[in-house]
């Protein structure tokens, strides 16, 4: 029996799935998890397409969205816009 490595990007095939994934990471994860999640989403859409929309190179995107990366907030915002996402703030329930 042959197995393949699990890649979440293979399952991010709709806007709803992408939004749910990103919202879950925002609620449960930390900043590193968020960066990696945005990278997964960008990969699922296509790094070339995201690079074109952001004006960044593909290697720069891979580097900025890799595990352990610390991209500038401007970079995160560019990629979020390119993947069709946005940040909304709502009051936290205590």
PDB file of N, CA and C in Angstrom:
ATOM      1  N   UNK A   1       0.833  -1.181   0.000  1.00  0.00           N
ATOM      2  CA  UNK A   1       0.000   0.000   0.000  1.00  0.00           C
ATOM      3  C   UNK A   1       0.878   1.244   0.000  1.00  0.00           C
ATOM      4  N   UNK A   2       0.625   2.105  -0.941  1.00  0.00           N
ATOM      5  CA  UNK A   2       1.407   3.333  -1.056  1.00  0.00           C
ATOM      6  C   UNK A   2       0.610   4.492  -0.464  1.00  0.00           C
ATOM      7  N   UNK A   3       1.284   5.311   0.296  1.00  0.00           N
ATOM      8  CA  UNK A   3       0.626   6.481   0.879  1.00  0.00           C
ATOM      9  C   UNK A   3       1.281   7.747   0.347  1.00  0.00           C
ATOM     10  N   UNK A   4       0.542   8.825   0.411  1.00  0.00           N
ATOM     11  CA  UNK A   4       1.085  10.113   0.010  1.00  0.00           C
ATOM     12  C   UNK A   4       1.022  11.054   1.198  1.00  0.00           C
ATOM     13  N   UNK A   5       1.855  12.036   1.169  1.00  0.00           N
ATOM     14  CA  UNK A   5       1.899  13.013   2.248  1.00  0.00           C
ATOM     15  C   UNK A   5       0.642  13.886   2.195  1.00  0.00           C
ATOM     16  N   UNK A   6       0.023  14.107   3.362  1.00  0.00           N
ATOM     17  CA  UNK A   6      -1.167  14.943   3.452  1.00  0.00           C
ATOM     18  C   UNK A   6      -0.793  16.387   3.166  1.00  0.00           C
ATOM     19  N   UNK A   7      -1.563  17.034   2.321  1.00  0.00           N
ATOM     20  CA  UNK A   7      -1.357  18.449   2.003  1.00  0.00           C
ATOM     21  C   UNK A   7      -2.716  19.141   2.053  1.00  0.00           C
ATOM     22  N   UNK A   8      -2.904  19.989   3.051  1.00  0.00           N
ATOM     23  CA  UNK A   8      -4.182  20.681   3.234  1.00  0.00           C
ATOM     24  C   UNK A   8      -4.565  21.480   1.998  1.00  0.00           C
ATOM     25  N   UNK A   9      -3.583  21.963   1.255  1.00  0.00           N
ATOM     26  CA  UNK A   9      -3.873  22.757   0.056  1.00  0.00           C
ATOM     27  C   UNK A   9      -4.723  21.982  -0.949  1.00  0.00           C
ATOM     28  N   UNK A  10      -4.620  20.657  -0.925  1.00  0.00           N
ATOM     29  CA  UNK A  10      -5.414  19.826  -1.832  1.00  0.00           C
ATOM     30  C   UNK A  10      -6.912  19.892  -1.515  1.00  0.00           C
ATOM     31  N   UNK A  11      -7.260  20.306  -0.304  1.00  0.00           N
ATOM     32  CA  UNK A  11      -8.652  20.321   0.136  1.00  0.00           C
ATOM     33  C   UNK A  11      -9.260  21.725   0.193  1.00  0.00           C
ATOM     34  N   UNK A  12      -8.465  22.730  -0.085  1.00  0.00           N
ATOM     35  CA  UNK A  12      -8.950  24.111  -0.052  1.00  0.00           C
ATOM     36  C   UNK A  12      -9.438  24.485  -1.445  1.00  0.00           C
ATOM     37  N   UNK A  13     -10.570  23.912  -1.813  1.00  0.00           N
ATOM     38  CA  UNK A  13     -11.042  24.014  -3.194  1.00  0.00           C
ATOM     39  C   UNK A  13     -12.279  24.894  -3.372  1.00  0.00           C
ATOM     40  N   UNK A  14     -12.656  25.622  -2.332  1.00  0.00           N
ATOM     41  CA  UNK A  14     -13.781  26.542  -2.466  1.00  0.00           C
ATOM     42  C   UNK A  14     -13.550  27.736  -1.544  1.00  0.00           C
ATOM     43  N   UNK A  15     -14.226  28.834  -1.853  1.00  0.00           N
ATOM     44  CA  UNK A  15     -14.104  30.028  -1.009  1.00  0.00           C
ATOM     45  C   UNK A  15     -14.573  29.739   0.412  1.00  0.00           C
ATOM     46  N   UNK A  16     -15.613  28.930   0.543  1.00  0.00           N
ATOM     47  CA  UNK A  16     -16.142  28.593   1.864  1.00  0.00           C
ATOM     48  C   UNK A  16     -15.141  27.791   2.676  1.00  0.00           C
ATOM     49  N   UNK A  17     -14.500  26.818   2.030  1.00  0.00           N
ATOM     50  CA  UNK A  17     -13.511  25.987   2.721  1.00  0.00           C
ATOM     51  C   UNK A  17     -12.304  26.825   3.130  1.00  0.00           C
ATOM     52  N   UNK A  18     -11.880  27.710   2.245  1.00  0.00           N
ATOM     53  CA  UNK A  18     -10.752  28.587   2.551  1.00  0.00           C
ATOM     54  C   UNK A  18     -11.087  29.493   3.731  1.00  0.00           C
ATOM     55  N   UNK A  19     -12.270  30.094   3.713  1.00  0.00           N
ATOM     56  CA  UNK A  19     -12.686  30.989   4.799  1.00  0.00           C
ATOM     57  C   UNK A  19     -12.775  30.238   6.120  1.00  0.00           C
ATOM     58  N   UNK A  20     -13.348  29.048   6.099  1.00  0.00           N
ATOM     59  CA  UNK A  20     -13.475  28.254   7.327  1.00  0.00           C
ATOM     60  C   UNK A  20     -12.107  27.890   7.887  1.00  0.00           C
ATOM     61  N   UNK A  21     -11.209  27.475   7.016  1.00  0.00           N
ATOM     62  CA  UNK A  21      -9.839  27.126   7.428  1.00  0.00           C
ATOM     63  C   UNK A  21      -9.143  28.333   8.047  1.00  0.00           C
ATOM     64  N   UNK A  22      -9.203  29.461   7.369  1.00  0.00           N
ATOM     65  CA  UNK A  22      -8.532  30.665   7.858  1.00  0.00           C
ATOM     66  C   UNK A  22      -9.138  31.139   9.177  1.00  0.00           C
ATOM     67  N   UNK A  23     -10.451  31.116   9.294  1.00  0.00           N
ATOM     68  CA  UNK A  23     -11.100  31.524  10.542  1.00  0.00           C
ATOM     69  C   UNK A  23     -10.751  30.588  11.699  1.00  0.00           C
ATOM     70  N   UNK A  24     -10.653  29.299  11.422  1.00  0.00           N
ATOM     71  CA  UNK A  24     -10.274  28.339  12.463  1.00  0.00           C
ATOM     72  C   UNK A  24      -8.860  28.617  12.953  1.00  0.00           C
ATOM     73  N   UNK A  25      -7.959  28.883  12.034  1.00  0.00           N
ATOM     74  CA  UNK A  25      -6.578  29.188  12.421  1.00  0.00           C
ATOM     75  C   UNK A  25      -6.521  30.498  13.200  1.00  0.00           C
ATOM     76  N   UNK A  26      -7.287  31.483  12.781  1.00  0.00           N
ATOM     77  CA  UNK A  26      -7.317  32.758  13.507  1.00  0.00           C
ATOM     78  C   UNK A  26      -7.824  32.576  14.936  1.00  0.00           C
ATOM     79  N   UNK A  27      -8.800  31.715  15.123  1.00  0.00           N
ATOM     80  CA  UNK A  27      -9.365  31.484  16.455  1.00  0.00           C
ATOM     81  C   UNK A  27      -8.471  30.627  17.337  1.00  0.00           C
ATOM     82  N   UNK A  28      -7.872  29.602  16.753  1.00  0.00           N
ATOM     83  CA  UNK A  28      -7.172  28.602  17.557  1.00  0.00           C
ATOM     84  C   UNK A  28      -5.648  28.658  17.479  1.00  0.00           C
ATOM     85  N   UNK A  29      -5.119  29.311  16.467  1.00  0.00           N
ATOM     86  CA  UNK A  29      -3.684  29.264  16.242  1.00  0.00           C
ATOM     87  C   UNK A  29      -2.955  30.503  16.726  1.00  0.00           C
ATOM     88  N   UNK A  30      -1.669  30.524  16.429  1.00  0.00           N
ATOM     89  CA  UNK A  30      -0.845  31.685  16.744  1.00  0.00           C
ATOM     90  C   UNK A  30      -0.395  32.341  15.440  1.00  0.00           C
ATOM     91  N   UNK A  31       0.443  33.347  15.531  1.00  0.00           N
ATOM     92  CA  UNK A  31       0.840  34.081  14.328  1.00  0.00           C
ATOM     93  C   UNK A  31       1.593  33.200  13.334  1.00  0.00           C
ATOM     94  N   UNK A  32       2.407  32.281  13.820  1.00  0.00           N
ATOM     95  CA  UNK A  32       3.121  31.370  12.917  1.00  0.00           C
ATOM     96  C   UNK A  32       2.146  30.460  12.178  1.00  0.00           C
ATOM     97  N   UNK A  33       1.142  29.970  12.900  1.00  0.00           N
ATOM     98  CA  UNK A  33       0.126  29.121  12.265  1.00  0.00           C
ATOM     99  C   UNK A  33      -0.618  29.882  11.176  1.00  0.00           C
ATOM    100  N   UNK A  34      -0.907  31.148  11.440  1.00  0.00           N
ATOM    101  CA  UNK A  34      -1.618  31.976  10.465  1.00  0.00           C
ATOM    102  C   UNK A  34      -0.798  32.159   9.193  1.00  0.00           C
ATOM    103  N   UNK A  35       0.478  32.427   9.342  1.00  0.00           N
ATOM    104  CA  UNK A  35       1.354  32.615   8.179  1.00  0.00           C
ATOM    105  C   UNK A  35       1.404  31.337   7.339  1.00  0.00           C
ATOM    106  N   UNK A  36       1.551  30.207   8.003  1.00  0.00           N
ATOM    107  CA  UNK A  36       1.592  28.928   7.287  1.00  0.00           C
ATOM    108  C   UNK A  36       0.250  28.652   6.607  1.00  0.00           C
ATOM    109  N   UNK A  37      -0.856  28.962   7.292  1.00  0.00           N
ATOM    110  CA  UNK A  37      -2.186  28.748   6.710  1.00  0.00           C
ATOM    111  C   UNK A  37      -2.381  29.604   5.460  1.00  0.00           C
ATOM    112  N   UNK A  38      -1.953  30.849   5.514  1.00  0.00           N
ATOM    113  CA  UNK A  38      -2.055  31.719   4.336  1.00  0.00           C
ATOM    114  C   UNK A  38      -1.210  31.135   3.205  1.00  0.00           C
ATOM    115  N   UNK A  39      -0.071  30.560   3.549  1.00  0.00           N
ATOM    116  CA  UNK A  39       0.760  29.885   2.542  1.00  0.00           C
ATOM    117  C   UNK A  39       0.054  28.703   1.920  1.00  0.00           C
ATOM    118  N   UNK A  40      -0.641  27.916   2.735  1.00  0.00           N
ATOM    119  CA  UNK A  40      -1.409  26.778   2.201  1.00  0.00           C
ATOM    120  C   UNK A  40      -2.492  27.253   1.235  1.00  0.00           C
ATOM    121  N   UNK A  41      -3.166  28.324   1.620  1.00  0.00           N
ATOM    122  CA  UNK A  41      -4.229  28.860   0.768  1.00  0.00           C
ATOM    123  C   UNK A  41      -3.643  29.383  -0.539  1.00  0.00           C
ATOM    124  N   UNK A  42      -2.544  30.113  -0.444  1.00  0.00           N
ATOM    125  CA  UNK A  42      -1.891  30.629  -1.653  1.00  0.00           C
ATOM    126  C   UNK A  42      -1.474  29.485  -2.570  1.00  0.00           C
ATOM    127  N   UNK A  43      -0.954  28.422  -1.982  1.00  0.00           N
ATOM    128  CA  UNK A  43      -0.554  27.253  -2.775  1.00  0.00           C
ATOM    129  C   UNK A  43      -1.763  26.619  -3.458  1.00  0.00           C
ATOM    130  N   UNK A  44      -2.888  26.557  -2.740  1.00  0.00           N
ATOM    131  CA  UNK A  44      -4.079  25.938  -3.326  1.00  0.00           C
ATOM    132  C   UNK A  44      -4.615  26.742  -4.505  1.00  0.00           C
ATOM    133  N   UNK A  45      -4.459  28.057  -4.437  1.00  0.00           N
ATOM    134  CA  UNK A  45      -4.909  28.931  -5.533  1.00  0.00           C
ATOM    135  C   UNK A  45      -3.895  28.933  -6.660  1.00  0.00           C
ATOM    136  N   UNK A  46      -2.629  28.889  -6.295  1.00  0.00           N
ATOM    137  CA  UNK A  46      -1.532  28.903  -7.262  1.00  0.00           C
ATOM    138  C   UNK A  46      -0.584  30.049  -6.958  1.00  0.00           C
ATOM    139  N   UNK A  47       0.652  29.714  -6.634  1.00  0.00           N
ATOM    140  CA  UNK A  47       1.625  30.742  -6.263  1.00  0.00           C
ATOM    141  C   UNK A  47       1.898  31.721  -7.403  1.00  0.00           C
ATOM    142  N   UNK A  48       1.867  31.237  -8.627  1.00  0.00           N
ATOM    143  CA  UNK A  48       2.093  32.138  -9.760  1.00  0.00           C
ATOM    144  C   UNK A  48       1.004  33.198  -9.816  1.00  0.00           C
ATOM    145  N   UNK A  49      -0.241  32.774  -9.650  1.00  0.00           N
ATOM    146  CA  UNK A  49      -1.373  33.698  -9.667  1.00  0.00           C
ATOM    147  C   UNK A  49      -1.270  34.696  -8.510  1.00  0.00           C
ATOM    148  N   UNK A  50      -0.918  34.221  -7.321  1.00  0.00           N
ATOM    149  CA  UNK A  50      -0.774  35.099  -6.161  1.00  0.00           C
ATOM    150  C   UNK A  50       0.389  36.059  -6.367  1.00  0.00           C
ATOM    151  N   UNK A  51       1.467  35.573  -6.941  1.00  0.00           N
ATOM    152  CA  UNK A  51       2.623  36.435  -7.222  1.00  0.00           C
ATOM    153  C   UNK A  51       2.228  37.571  -8.165  1.00  0.00           C
ATOM    154  N   UNK A  52       1.462  37.252  -9.194  1.00  0.00           N
ATOM    155  CA  UNK A  52       1.001  38.276 -10.131  1.00  0.00           C
ATOM    156  C   UNK A  52       0.126  39.320  -9.441  1.00  0.00           C
ATOM    157  N   UNK A  53      -0.789  38.859  -8.585  1.00  0.00           N
ATOM    158  CA  UNK A  53      -1.699  39.777  -7.909  1.00  0.00           C
ATOM    159  C   UNK A  53      -0.999  40.659  -6.872  1.00  0.00           C
ATOM    160  N   UNK A  54       0.045  40.136  -6.241  1.00  0.00           N
ATOM    161  CA  UNK A  54       0.735  40.895  -5.194  1.00  0.00           C
ATOM    162  C   UNK A  54       1.912  41.704  -5.717  1.00  0.00           C
ATOM    163  N   UNK A  55       2.401  41.350  -6.897  1.00  0.00           N
ATOM    164  CA  UNK A  55       3.600  42.004  -7.414  1.00  0.00           C
ATOM    165  C   UNK A  55       4.875  41.461  -6.785  1.00  0.00           C
ATOM    166  N   UNK A  56       4.758  40.340  -6.102  1.00  0.00           N
ATOM    167  CA  UNK A  56       5.915  39.700  -5.477  1.00  0.00           C
ATOM    168  C   UNK A  56       6.366  38.530  -6.346  1.00  0.00           C
ATOM    169  N   UNK A  57       7.601  38.110  -6.147  1.00  0.00           N
ATOM    170  CA  UNK A  57       8.091  36.940  -6.880  1.00  0.00           C
ATOM    171  C   UNK A  57       7.643  35.669  -6.166  1.00  0.00           C
ATOM    172  N   UNK A  58       7.558  34.587  -6.907  1.00  0.00           N
ATOM    173  CA  UNK A  58       7.177  33.309  -6.302  1.00  0.00           C
ATOM    174  C   UNK A  58       8.146  32.900  -5.197  1.00  0.00           C
ATOM    175  N   UNK A  59       9.473  32.989  -5.426  1.00  0.00           N
ATOM    176  CA  UNK A  59      10.394  32.622  -4.337  1.00  0.00           C
ATOM    177  C   UNK A  59      10.200  33.480  -3.086  1.00  0.00           C
ATOM    178  N   UNK A  60       9.901  34.769  -3.271  1.00  0.00           N
ATOM    179  CA  UNK A  60       9.655  35.639  -2.115  1.00  0.00           C
ATOM    180  C   UNK A  60       8.409  35.207  -1.361  1.00  0.00           C
ATOM    181  N   UNK A  61       7.380  34.814  -2.099  1.00  0.00           N
ATOM    182  CA  UNK A  61       6.153  34.335  -1.459  1.00  0.00           C
ATOM    183  C   UNK A  61       6.404  33.062  -0.665  1.00  0.00           C
ATOM    184  N   UNK A  62       7.085  32.109  -1.277  1.00  0.00           N
ATOM    185  CA  UNK A  62       7.375  30.864  -0.572  1.00  0.00           C
ATOM    186  C   UNK A  62       8.164  31.145   0.705  1.00  0.00           C
ATOM    187  N   UNK A  63       9.140  32.028   0.614  1.00  0.00           N
ATOM    188  CA  UNK A  63       9.964  32.367   1.777  1.00  0.00           C
ATOM    189  C   UNK A  63       9.134  33.071   2.852  1.00  0.00           C
ATOM    190  N   UNK A  64       8.312  34.039   2.453  1.00  0.00           N
ATOM    191  CA  UNK A  64       7.513  34.815   3.405  1.00  0.00           C
ATOM    192  C   UNK A  64       6.444  33.985   4.085  1.00  0.00           C
ATOM    193  N   UNK A  65       5.964  32.933   3.410  1.00  0.00           N
ATOM    194  CA  UNK A  65       4.851  32.145   3.938  1.00  0.00           C
ATOM    195  C   UNK A  65       5.270  30.765   4.435  1.00  0.00           C
ATOM    196  N   UNK A  66       6.549  30.591   4.679  1.00  0.00           N
ATOM    197  CA  UNK A  66       7.034  29.301   5.161  1.00  0.00           C
ATOM    198  C   UNK A  66       7.004  29.247   6.685  1.00  0.00           C
ATOM    199  N   UNK A  67       7.077  28.052   7.204  1.00  0.00           N
ATOM    200  CA  UNK A  67       7.066  27.847   8.651  1.00  0.00           C
ATOM    201  C   UNK A  67       8.275  28.549   9.271  1.00  0.00           C
ATOM    202  N   UNK A  68       8.032  29.369  10.265  1.00  0.00           N
ATOM    203  CA  UNK A  68       9.100  30.097  10.945  1.00  0.00           C
ATOM    204  C   UNK A  68       9.387  31.466  10.362  1.00  0.00           C
ATOM    205  N   UNK A  69       8.729  31.818   9.251  1.00  0.00           N
ATOM    206  CA  UNK A  69       8.952  33.124   8.620  1.00  0.00           C
ATOM    207  C   UNK A  69       8.314  34.226   9.462  1.00  0.00           C
ATOM    208  N   UNK A  70       8.839  35.410   9.325  1.00  0.00           N
ATOM    209  CA  UNK A  70       8.292  36.576  10.022  1.00  0.00           C
ATOM    210  C   UNK A  70       8.094  37.702   8.998  1.00  0.00           C
ATOM    211  N   UNK A  71       7.092  37.528   8.116  1.00  0.00           N
ATOM    212  CA  UNK A  71       6.869  38.545   7.077  1.00  0.00           C
ATOM    213  C   UNK A  71       6.325  39.840   7.667  1.00  0.00           C
ATOM    214  N   UNK A  72       6.521  40.910   6.923  1.00  0.00           N
ATOM    215  CA  UNK A  72       5.965  42.196   7.333  1.00  0.00           C
ATOM    216  C   UNK A  72       4.443  42.136   7.204  1.00  0.00           C
ATOM    217  N   UNK A  73       3.772  42.949   8.010  1.00  0.00           N
ATOM    218  CA  UNK A  73       2.313  42.982   7.980  1.00  0.00           C
ATOM    219  C   UNK A  73       1.810  43.363   6.588  1.00  0.00           C
ATOM    220  N   UNK A  74       2.505  44.252   5.925  1.00  0.00           N
ATOM    221  CA  UNK A  74       2.130  44.667   4.562  1.00  0.00           C
ATOM    222  C   UNK A  74       2.104  43.462   3.618  1.00  0.00           C
ATOM    223  N   UNK A  75       3.056  42.568   3.766  1.00  0.00           N
ATOM    224  CA  UNK A  75       3.104  41.362   2.934  1.00  0.00           C
ATOM    225  C   UNK A  75       1.888  40.482   3.207  1.00  0.00           C
ATOM    226  N   UNK A  76       1.554  40.298   4.479  1.00  0.00           N
ATOM    227  CA  UNK A  76       0.389  39.498   4.842  1.00  0.00           C
ATOM    228  C   UNK A  76      -0.877  40.105   4.246  1.00  0.00           C
ATOM    229  N   UNK A  77      -1.015  41.411   4.332  1.00  0.00           N
ATOM    230  CA  UNK A  77      -2.199  42.075   3.796  1.00  0.00           C
ATOM    231  C   UNK A  77      -2.279  41.926   2.275  1.00  0.00           C
ATOM    232  N   UNK A  78      -1.160  42.056   1.578  1.00  0.00           N
ATOM    233  CA  UNK A  78      -1.141  41.876   0.122  1.00  0.00           C
ATOM    234  C   UNK A  78      -1.625  40.475  -0.253  1.00  0.00           C
ATOM    235  N   UNK A  79      -1.106  39.483   0.456  1.00  0.00           N
ATOM    236  CA  UNK A  79      -1.467  38.104   0.142  1.00  0.00           C
ATOM    237  C   UNK A  79      -2.921  37.837   0.510  1.00  0.00           C
ATOM    238  N   UNK A  80      -3.367  38.355   1.652  1.00  0.00           N
ATOM    239  CA  UNK A  80      -4.778  38.184   2.024  1.00  0.00           C
ATOM    240  C   UNK A  80      -5.704  38.744   0.951  1.00  0.00           C
ATOM    241  N   UNK A  81      -5.383  39.926   0.450  1.00  0.00           N
ATOM    242  CA  UNK A  81      -6.215  40.512  -0.609  1.00  0.00           C
ATOM    243  C   UNK A  81      -6.176  39.638  -1.868  1.00  0.00           C
ATOM    244  N   UNK A  82      -4.999  39.129  -2.183  1.00  0.00           N
ATOM    245  CA  UNK A  82      -4.840  38.308  -3.389  1.00  0.00           C
ATOM    246  C   UNK A  82      -5.605  36.991  -3.295  1.00  0.00           C
ATOM    247  N   UNK A  83      -5.744  36.459  -2.081  1.00  0.00           N
ATOM    248  CA  UNK A  83      -6.479  35.197  -1.931  1.00  0.00           C
ATOM    249  C   UNK A  83      -7.962  35.440  -1.689  1.00  0.00           C
ATOM    250  N   UNK A  84      -8.347  36.708  -1.699  1.00  0.00           N
ATOM    251  CA  UNK A  84      -9.761  37.043  -1.544  1.00  0.00           C
ATOM    252  C   UNK A  84     -10.210  37.120  -0.100  1.00  0.00           C
ATOM    253  N   UNK A  85      -9.287  37.326   0.805  1.00  0.00           N
ATOM    254  CA  UNK A  85      -9.617  37.385   2.220  1.00  0.00           C
ATOM    255  C   UNK A  85      -9.514  38.794   2.783  1.00  0.00           C
ATOM    256  N   UNK A  86     -10.048  38.936   3.951  1.00  0.00           N
ATOM    257  CA  UNK A  86      -9.954  40.196   4.660  1.00  0.00           C
ATOM    258  C   UNK A  86     -10.012  39.914   6.145  1.00  0.00           C
ATOM    259  N   UNK A  87      -9.585  40.869   6.926  1.00  0.00           N
ATOM    260  CA  UNK A  87      -9.631  40.726   8.373  1.00  0.00           C
ATOM    261  C   UNK A  87     -10.797  41.553   8.896  1.00  0.00           C
ATOM    262  N   UNK A  88     -11.624  40.938   9.709  1.00  0.00           N
ATOM    263  CA  UNK A  88     -12.720  41.615  10.385  1.00  0.00           C
ATOM    264  C   UNK A  88     -12.513  41.481  11.874  1.00  0.00           C
ATOM    265  N   UNK A  89     -12.769  42.536  12.598  1.00  0.00           N
ATOM    266  CA  UNK A  89     -12.620  42.511  14.039  1.00  0.00           C
ATOM    267  C   UNK A  89     -14.011  42.530  14.666  1.00  0.00           C
ATOM    268  N   UNK A  90     -14.206  41.638  15.612  1.00  0.00           N
ATOM    269  CA  UNK A  90     -15.468  41.611  16.335  1.00  0.00           C
ATOM    270  C   UNK A  90     -15.139  41.533  17.826  1.00  0.00           C
ATOM    271  N   UNK A  91     -16.015  42.038  18.661  1.00  0.00           N
ATOM    272  CA  UNK A  91     -15.761  41.968  20.101  1.00  0.00           C
ATOM    273  C   UNK A  91     -15.648  40.512  20.562  1.00  0.00           C
ATOM    274  N   UNK A  92     -14.731  40.294  21.468  1.00  0.00           N
ATOM    275  CA  UNK A  92     -14.583  38.948  22.036  1.00  0.00           C
ATOM    276  C   UNK A  92     -15.610  38.767  23.137  1.00  0.00           C
ATOM    277  N   UNK A  93     -16.222  37.619  23.158  1.00  0.00           N
ATOM    278  CA  UNK A  93     -17.152  37.342  24.254  1.00  0.00           C
ATOM    279  C   UNK A  93     -16.336  36.809  25.425  1.00  0.00           C
ATOM    280  N   UNK A  94     -16.595  37.350  26.583  1.00  0.00           N
ATOM    281  CA  UNK A  94     -15.815  36.990  27.760  1.00  0.00           C
ATOM    282  C   UNK A  94     -16.495  35.931  28.566  1.00  0.00           C
TER     283      UNK A  94
END
